[in-house]
Amino acid sequence: MRNEKSLESDRYSRIAIITGATSGIGEATARKFAASGYGVVGNGRNAEKLRALEPELGAAFAGVAGDASDTPGLSLRRMAPTDTH
């Protein structure tokens, strides 16, 4: 997983975001989408497994390590009202 790696939106007409991409159904889904010409952003808790998938799936795949269920890690921002009347 390289931080500088990104999927160029003009290169792929569709981009799939896959959680659990390091094993099982998530990994199989990531492989299927990449083989079908999609750009794939794969999420998983195991950074080493994501790094191993990158050369296998090629430029279509970008791994993002982290726990998608870790809601305290998500930042929710209150939006100020834009209309004051």
C-alpha atoms as a PDB file:
ATOM      1  CA  MET A   1       0.000   0.000   0.000  1.00  0.00           C
ATOM      2  CA  ARG A   2       1.586   3.145  -1.157  1.00  0.00           C
ATOM      3  CA  ASN A   3       0.189   6.413   0.145  1.00  0.00           C
ATOM      4  CA  GLU A   4       0.869   8.147  -3.154  1.00  0.00           C
ATOM      5  CA  LYS A   5      -1.123   5.573  -5.131  1.00  0.00           C
ATOM      6  CA  SER A   6      -4.494   6.751  -6.312  1.00  0.00           C
ATOM      7  CA  LEU A   7      -7.060   5.787  -8.879  1.00  0.00           C
ATOM      8  CA  GLU A   8      -7.467   8.355 -11.590  1.00  0.00           C
ATOM      9  CA  SER A   9     -11.190   8.897 -12.171  1.00  0.00           C
ATOM     10  CA  ASP A  10     -10.632   9.588 -15.867  1.00  0.00           C
ATOM     11  CA  ARG A  11      -8.892   6.230 -16.277  1.00  0.00           C
ATOM     12  CA  TYR A  12     -11.777   4.149 -14.889  1.00  0.00           C
ATOM     13  CA  SER A  13     -15.408   4.746 -15.792  1.00  0.00           C
ATOM     14  CA  ARG A  14     -16.437   2.971 -12.579  1.00  0.00           C
ATOM     15  CA  ILE A  15     -14.744   2.579  -9.220  1.00  0.00           C
ATOM     16  CA  ALA A  16     -15.755  -0.064  -6.672  1.00  0.00           C
ATOM     17  CA  ILE A  17     -15.113   0.362  -2.943  1.00  0.00           C
ATOM     18  CA  ILE A  18     -14.726  -3.013  -1.242  1.00  0.00           C
ATOM     19  CA  THR A  19     -14.548  -3.522   2.524  1.00  0.00           C
ATOM     20  CA  GLY A  20     -12.942  -6.725   3.768  1.00  0.00           C
ATOM     21  CA  ALA A  21     -10.833  -6.937   0.616  1.00  0.00           C
ATOM     22  CA  THR A  22      -8.053  -8.984   2.255  1.00  0.00           C
ATOM     23  CA  SER A  23      -9.895 -12.326   2.409  1.00  0.00           C
ATOM     24  CA  GLY A  24     -12.984 -14.320   1.578  1.00  0.00           C
ATOM     25  CA  ILE A  25     -15.871 -12.760  -0.308  1.00  0.00           C
ATOM     26  CA  GLY A  26     -14.331  -9.279  -0.140  1.00  0.00           C
ATOM     27  CA  GLU A  27     -11.106 -10.421  -1.769  1.00  0.00           C
ATOM     28  CA  ALA A  28     -12.977 -12.423  -4.423  1.00  0.00           C
ATOM     29  CA  THR A  29     -15.157  -9.393  -5.155  1.00  0.00           C
ATOM     30  CA  ALA A  30     -12.128  -7.093  -5.469  1.00  0.00           C
ATOM     31  CA  ARG A  31     -10.491  -9.558  -7.865  1.00  0.00           C
ATOM     32  CA  LYS A  32     -13.653  -9.852  -9.979  1.00  0.00           C
ATOM     33  CA  PHE A  33     -14.121  -6.076 -10.253  1.00  0.00           C
ATOM     34  CA  ALA A  34     -10.445  -5.491 -11.131  1.00  0.00           C
ATOM     35  CA  ALA A  35     -10.567  -8.244 -13.773  1.00  0.00           C
ATOM     36  CA  SER A  36     -13.704  -6.617 -15.224  1.00  0.00           C
ATOM     37  CA  GLY A  37     -11.957  -3.280 -15.733  1.00  0.00           C
ATOM     38  CA  TYR A  38     -13.145  -1.415 -12.658  1.00  0.00           C
ATOM     39  CA  GLY A  39     -10.909   0.702 -10.496  1.00  0.00           C
ATOM     40  CA  VAL A  40     -10.984  -0.864  -7.029  1.00  0.00           C
ATOM     41  CA  VAL A  41     -10.384   0.712  -3.632  1.00  0.00           C
ATOM     42  CA  GLY A  42      -9.946  -2.194  -1.241  1.00  0.00           C
ATOM     43  CA  ASN A  43     -10.227  -1.736   2.508  1.00  0.00           C
ATOM     44  CA  GLY A  44      -8.996  -4.182   5.115  1.00  0.00           C
ATOM     45  CA  ARG A  45      -7.466  -4.268   8.580  1.00  0.00           C
ATOM     46  CA  ASN A  46      -4.336  -6.121   7.440  1.00  0.00           C
ATOM     47  CA  ALA A  47      -1.987  -3.723   5.636  1.00  0.00           C
ATOM     48  CA  GLU A  48       0.413  -6.535   4.675  1.00  0.00           C
ATOM     49  CA  LYS A  49      -2.327  -8.453   2.857  1.00  0.00           C
ATOM     50  CA  LEU A  50      -3.381  -5.280   1.041  1.00  0.00           C
ATOM     51  CA  ARG A  51       0.230  -4.679  -0.030  1.00  0.00           C
ATOM     52  CA  ALA A  52       0.384  -8.245  -1.361  1.00  0.00           C
ATOM     53  CA  LEU A  53      -2.784  -7.719  -3.420  1.00  0.00           C
ATOM     54  CA  GLU A  54      -1.530  -4.563  -5.134  1.00  0.00           C
ATOM     55  CA  PRO A  55       0.985  -6.244  -7.480  1.00  0.00           C
ATOM     56  CA  GLU A  56      -1.449  -9.117  -8.143  1.00  0.00           C
ATOM     57  CA  LEU A  57      -4.348  -6.855  -9.134  1.00  0.00           C
ATOM     58  CA  GLY A  58      -2.206  -4.165 -10.758  1.00  0.00           C
ATOM     59  CA  ALA A  59      -2.858  -0.480 -11.265  1.00  0.00           C
ATOM     60  CA  ALA A  60      -6.626  -0.964 -10.945  1.00  0.00           C
ATOM     61  CA  PHE A  61      -6.276  -1.661  -7.203  1.00  0.00           C
ATOM     62  CA  ALA A  62      -5.494   0.717  -4.349  1.00  0.00           C
ATOM     63  CA  GLY A  63      -5.435  -0.650  -0.800  1.00  0.00           C
ATOM     64  CA  VAL A  64      -6.548   1.408   2.196  1.00  0.00           C
ATOM     65  CA  ALA A  65      -5.789  -0.131   5.600  1.00  0.00           C
ATOM     66  CA  GLY A  66      -8.189   0.406   8.473  1.00  0.00           C
ATOM     67  CA  ASP A  67     -11.223  -0.968  10.249  1.00  0.00           C
ATOM     68  CA  ALA A  68     -14.407   0.156   8.475  1.00  0.00           C
ATOM     69  CA  SER A  69     -16.423  -0.558  11.636  1.00  0.00           C
ATOM     70  CA  ASP A  70     -14.274   1.778  13.774  1.00  0.00           C
ATOM     71  CA  THR A  71     -16.855   4.562  14.084  1.00  0.00           C
ATOM     72  CA  PRO A  72     -14.927   6.523  16.739  1.00  0.00           C
ATOM     73  CA  GLY A  73     -12.296   7.027  14.058  1.00  0.00           C
ATOM     74  CA  LEU A  74     -14.832   8.732  11.832  1.00  0.00           C
ATOM     75  CA  SER A  75     -15.077  12.469  12.166  1.00  0.00           C
ATOM     76  CA  LEU A  76     -18.569  13.901  12.055  1.00  0.00           C
ATOM     77  CA  ARG A  77     -18.745  17.615  11.543  1.00  0.00           C
ATOM     78  CA  ARG A  78     -21.672  19.828  12.393  1.00  0.00           C
ATOM     79  CA  MET A  79     -22.692  21.987   9.549  1.00  0.00           C
ATOM     80  CA  ALA A  80     -23.551  25.593  10.339  1.00  0.00           C
ATOM     81  CA  PRO A  81     -26.798  26.782   8.817  1.00  0.00           C
ATOM     82  CA  THR A  82     -26.230  28.854   5.705  1.00  0.00           C
ATOM     83  CA  ASP A  83     -29.618  30.572   5.768  1.00  0.00           C
ATOM     84  CA  THR A  84     -30.283  32.814   8.753  1.00  0.00           C
ATOM     85  CA  HIS A  85     -33.800  34.120   8.011  1.00  0.00           C
END
